[in-house]
Amino acid sequence: MSNENVTQRLYLGIDLSTQQIKCIVIDGQLQTIAEEAISFNDNSLLVHHVQPNGFVVDKNDKRCITTP
């Protein structure tokens, strides 16, 4: 058995939307090495910034809605 380091080309794909971010790592044979997704509506993440409907209504002007 050889002690030479074997390098492998890996490719990273990122999908960013308003609801979540997804990442996937694949190799040259298109086999999935790793994948992860984070939902921005997950109540356990950024607890102080979670908005139940995904938007914020301005307290001074109820007609003004912001989608962070």
N, C-alpha and C. Protein backbone atom coordinates (compact mmCIF):
# COMPACT_ATOMS: atom_id res chain seq x y z
N MET A 1 0.85 -1.18 0.00
CA MET A 1 0.00 0.00 0.00
C MET A 1 0.89 1.24 0.00
N SER A 2 0.57 2.20 -0.82
CA SER A 2 1.35 3.42 -0.98
C SER A 2 0.90 4.48 0.03
N ASN A 3 1.84 5.29 0.48
CA ASN A 3 1.53 6.39 1.40
C ASN A 3 1.32 7.70 0.67
N GLU A 4 1.24 7.66 -0.66
CA GLU A 4 1.06 8.89 -1.43
C GLU A 4 -0.31 9.48 -1.15
N ASN A 5 -0.35 10.81 -1.10
CA ASN A 5 -1.63 11.49 -0.93
C ASN A 5 -2.40 11.43 -2.25
N VAL A 6 -3.63 11.04 -2.17
CA VAL A 6 -4.49 10.98 -3.36
C VAL A 6 -5.42 12.18 -3.29
N THR A 7 -5.38 13.00 -4.32
CA THR A 7 -6.27 14.16 -4.36
C THR A 7 -7.45 13.85 -5.26
N GLN A 8 -8.57 14.41 -4.90
CA GLN A 8 -9.80 14.19 -5.64
C GLN A 8 -10.44 15.55 -5.91
N ARG A 9 -10.85 15.76 -7.14
CA ARG A 9 -11.55 17.01 -7.46
C ARG A 9 -12.97 16.94 -6.92
N LEU A 10 -13.34 18.00 -6.20
CA LEU A 10 -14.69 18.11 -5.65
C LEU A 10 -15.31 19.39 -6.17
N TYR A 11 -16.62 19.38 -6.27
CA TYR A 11 -17.35 20.53 -6.81
C TYR A 11 -18.45 20.92 -5.82
N LEU A 12 -18.58 22.23 -5.61
CA LEU A 12 -19.55 22.77 -4.66
C LEU A 12 -20.66 23.47 -5.41
N GLY A 13 -21.90 23.10 -5.10
CA GLY A 13 -23.07 23.77 -5.67
C GLY A 13 -23.81 24.48 -4.55
N ILE A 14 -24.23 25.72 -4.81
CA ILE A 14 -24.94 26.51 -3.81
C ILE A 14 -26.24 27.03 -4.42
N ASP A 15 -27.34 26.83 -3.72
CA ASP A 15 -28.65 27.32 -4.14
C ASP A 15 -29.16 28.24 -3.03
N LEU A 16 -29.25 29.52 -3.33
CA LEU A 16 -29.69 30.50 -2.34
C LEU A 16 -31.03 31.08 -2.78
N SER A 17 -32.03 30.94 -1.93
CA SER A 17 -33.34 31.52 -2.22
C SER A 17 -33.78 32.35 -1.02
N THR A 18 -34.96 32.89 -1.08
CA THR A 18 -35.46 33.70 0.04
C THR A 18 -35.88 32.82 1.22
N GLN A 19 -36.11 31.53 0.99
CA GLN A 19 -36.54 30.64 2.06
C GLN A 19 -35.41 29.84 2.69
N GLN A 20 -34.36 29.54 1.91
CA GLN A 20 -33.30 28.69 2.44
C GLN A 20 -32.04 28.79 1.60
N ILE A 21 -30.98 28.20 2.13
CA ILE A 21 -29.74 28.03 1.38
C ILE A 21 -29.40 26.54 1.41
N LYS A 22 -29.04 26.01 0.24
CA LYS A 22 -28.67 24.60 0.13
C LYS A 22 -27.29 24.51 -0.49
N CYS A 23 -26.48 23.58 0.00
CA CYS A 23 -25.15 23.34 -0.56
C CYS A 23 -24.99 21.84 -0.78
N ILE A 24 -24.29 21.49 -1.85
CA ILE A 24 -23.99 20.10 -2.15
C ILE A 24 -22.57 20.01 -2.67
N VAL A 25 -21.87 18.97 -2.25
CA VAL A 25 -20.52 18.69 -2.73
C VAL A 25 -20.58 17.37 -3.49
N ILE A 26 -20.08 17.37 -4.74
CA ILE A 26 -20.04 16.16 -5.55
C ILE A 26 -18.63 15.92 -6.05
N ASP A 27 -18.37 14.69 -6.46
CA ASP A 27 -17.06 14.38 -7.02
C ASP A 27 -17.16 14.32 -8.55
N GLY A 28 -16.08 13.93 -9.19
CA GLY A 28 -16.03 13.89 -10.65
C GLY A 28 -16.97 12.87 -11.27
N GLN A 29 -17.41 11.89 -10.49
CA GLN A 29 -18.37 10.89 -10.99
C GLN A 29 -19.81 11.25 -10.61
N LEU A 30 -20.00 12.50 -10.18
CA LEU A 30 -21.30 13.05 -9.79
C LEU A 30 -21.91 12.34 -8.58
N GLN A 31 -21.06 11.75 -7.75
CA GLN A 31 -21.52 11.14 -6.51
C GLN A 31 -21.58 12.21 -5.42
N THR A 32 -22.65 12.22 -4.65
CA THR A 32 -22.79 13.19 -3.57
C THR A 32 -21.83 12.85 -2.43
N ILE A 33 -21.02 13.83 -2.06
CA ILE A 33 -20.08 13.67 -0.96
C ILE A 33 -20.69 14.23 0.33
N ALA A 34 -21.34 15.38 0.23
CA ALA A 34 -21.98 16.01 1.39
C ALA A 34 -23.06 16.96 0.90
N GLU A 35 -24.05 17.18 1.73
CA GLU A 35 -25.09 18.17 1.42
C GLU A 35 -25.65 18.72 2.72
N GLU A 36 -26.12 19.95 2.64
CA GLU A 36 -26.65 20.64 3.82
C GLU A 36 -27.66 21.68 3.36
N ALA A 37 -28.67 21.92 4.18
CA ALA A 37 -29.67 22.95 3.90
C ALA A 37 -30.01 23.66 5.20
N ILE A 38 -30.19 24.97 5.10
CA ILE A 38 -30.60 25.77 6.25
C ILE A 38 -31.83 26.57 5.84
N SER A 39 -32.92 26.38 6.57
CA SER A 39 -34.16 27.11 6.31
C SER A 39 -34.15 28.40 7.12
N PHE A 40 -34.42 29.51 6.45
CA PHE A 40 -34.43 30.79 7.14
C PHE A 40 -35.65 30.95 8.04
N ASN A 41 -36.66 30.10 7.89
CA ASN A 41 -37.84 30.15 8.73
C ASN A 41 -37.73 29.24 9.95
N ASP A 42 -36.59 28.60 10.12
CA ASP A 42 -36.35 27.72 11.27
C ASP A 42 -36.31 28.57 12.54
N ASN A 43 -37.24 28.31 13.44
CA ASN A 43 -37.35 29.12 14.66
C ASN A 43 -36.17 28.98 15.60
N SER A 44 -35.34 27.95 15.42
CA SER A 44 -34.18 27.78 16.30
C SER A 44 -32.97 28.59 15.84
N LEU A 45 -33.02 29.14 14.62
CA LEU A 45 -31.92 29.95 14.09
C LEU A 45 -32.26 31.43 14.21
N LEU A 46 -31.32 32.21 14.63
CA LEU A 46 -31.50 33.67 14.71
C LEU A 46 -32.84 34.01 15.37
N VAL A 47 -33.04 33.49 16.55
CA VAL A 47 -34.33 33.57 17.25
C VAL A 47 -34.89 34.99 17.27
N HIS A 48 -34.06 35.99 17.44
CA HIS A 48 -34.54 37.36 17.55
C HIS A 48 -34.96 37.95 16.21
N HIS A 49 -34.65 37.28 15.12
CA HIS A 49 -34.92 37.83 13.79
C HIS A 49 -35.99 37.06 13.02
N VAL A 50 -36.52 35.98 13.59
CA VAL A 50 -37.50 35.17 12.88
C VAL A 50 -38.82 35.92 12.77
N GLN A 51 -39.36 35.95 11.57
CA GLN A 51 -40.65 36.57 11.32
C GLN A 51 -41.63 35.47 10.91
N PRO A 52 -42.78 35.36 11.59
CA PRO A 52 -43.69 34.24 11.32
C PRO A 52 -44.18 34.18 9.88
N ASN A 53 -44.35 35.30 9.23
CA ASN A 53 -44.83 35.31 7.85
C ASN A 53 -43.74 35.70 6.86
N GLY A 54 -42.51 35.88 7.33
CA GLY A 54 -41.42 36.23 6.44
C GLY A 54 -41.32 37.71 6.12
N PHE A 55 -42.12 38.54 6.79
CA PHE A 55 -42.05 39.98 6.54
C PHE A 55 -42.23 40.75 7.85
N VAL A 56 -41.85 42.02 7.81
CA VAL A 56 -41.95 42.90 8.98
C VAL A 56 -42.83 44.08 8.61
N VAL A 57 -43.81 44.37 9.46
CA VAL A 57 -44.68 45.53 9.25
C VAL A 57 -44.12 46.68 10.08
N ASP A 58 -43.95 47.83 9.44
CA ASP A 58 -43.43 49.03 10.11
C ASP A 58 -44.41 49.45 11.20
N LYS A 59 -43.92 49.64 12.42
CA LYS A 59 -44.78 50.01 13.54
C LYS A 59 -45.39 51.40 13.36
N ASN A 60 -44.70 52.29 12.65
CA ASN A 60 -45.18 53.66 12.46
C ASN A 60 -46.08 53.80 11.24
N ASP A 61 -45.95 52.91 10.28
CA ASP A 61 -46.75 52.99 9.06
C ASP A 61 -47.13 51.57 8.65
N LYS A 62 -48.33 51.14 9.01
CA LYS A 62 -48.77 49.77 8.77
C LYS A 62 -48.84 49.43 7.28
N ARG A 63 -48.78 50.45 6.41
CA ARG A 63 -48.79 50.19 4.97
C ARG A 63 -47.42 49.81 4.45
N CYS A 64 -46.39 50.01 5.28
CA CYS A 64 -45.01 49.73 4.89
C CYS A 64 -44.61 48.33 5.38
N ILE A 65 -44.33 47.44 4.43
CA ILE A 65 -43.95 46.07 4.74
C ILE A 65 -42.56 45.80 4.17
N THR A 66 -41.70 45.20 4.99
CA THR A 66 -40.34 44.88 4.57
C THR A 66 -40.15 43.38 4.59
N THR A 67 -39.49 42.85 3.58
CA THR A 67 -39.13 41.43 3.57
C THR A 67 -37.62 41.32 3.69
N PRO A 68 -37.14 41.05 4.91
CA PRO A 68 -35.70 41.02 5.13
C PRO A 68 -35.02 39.88 4.39
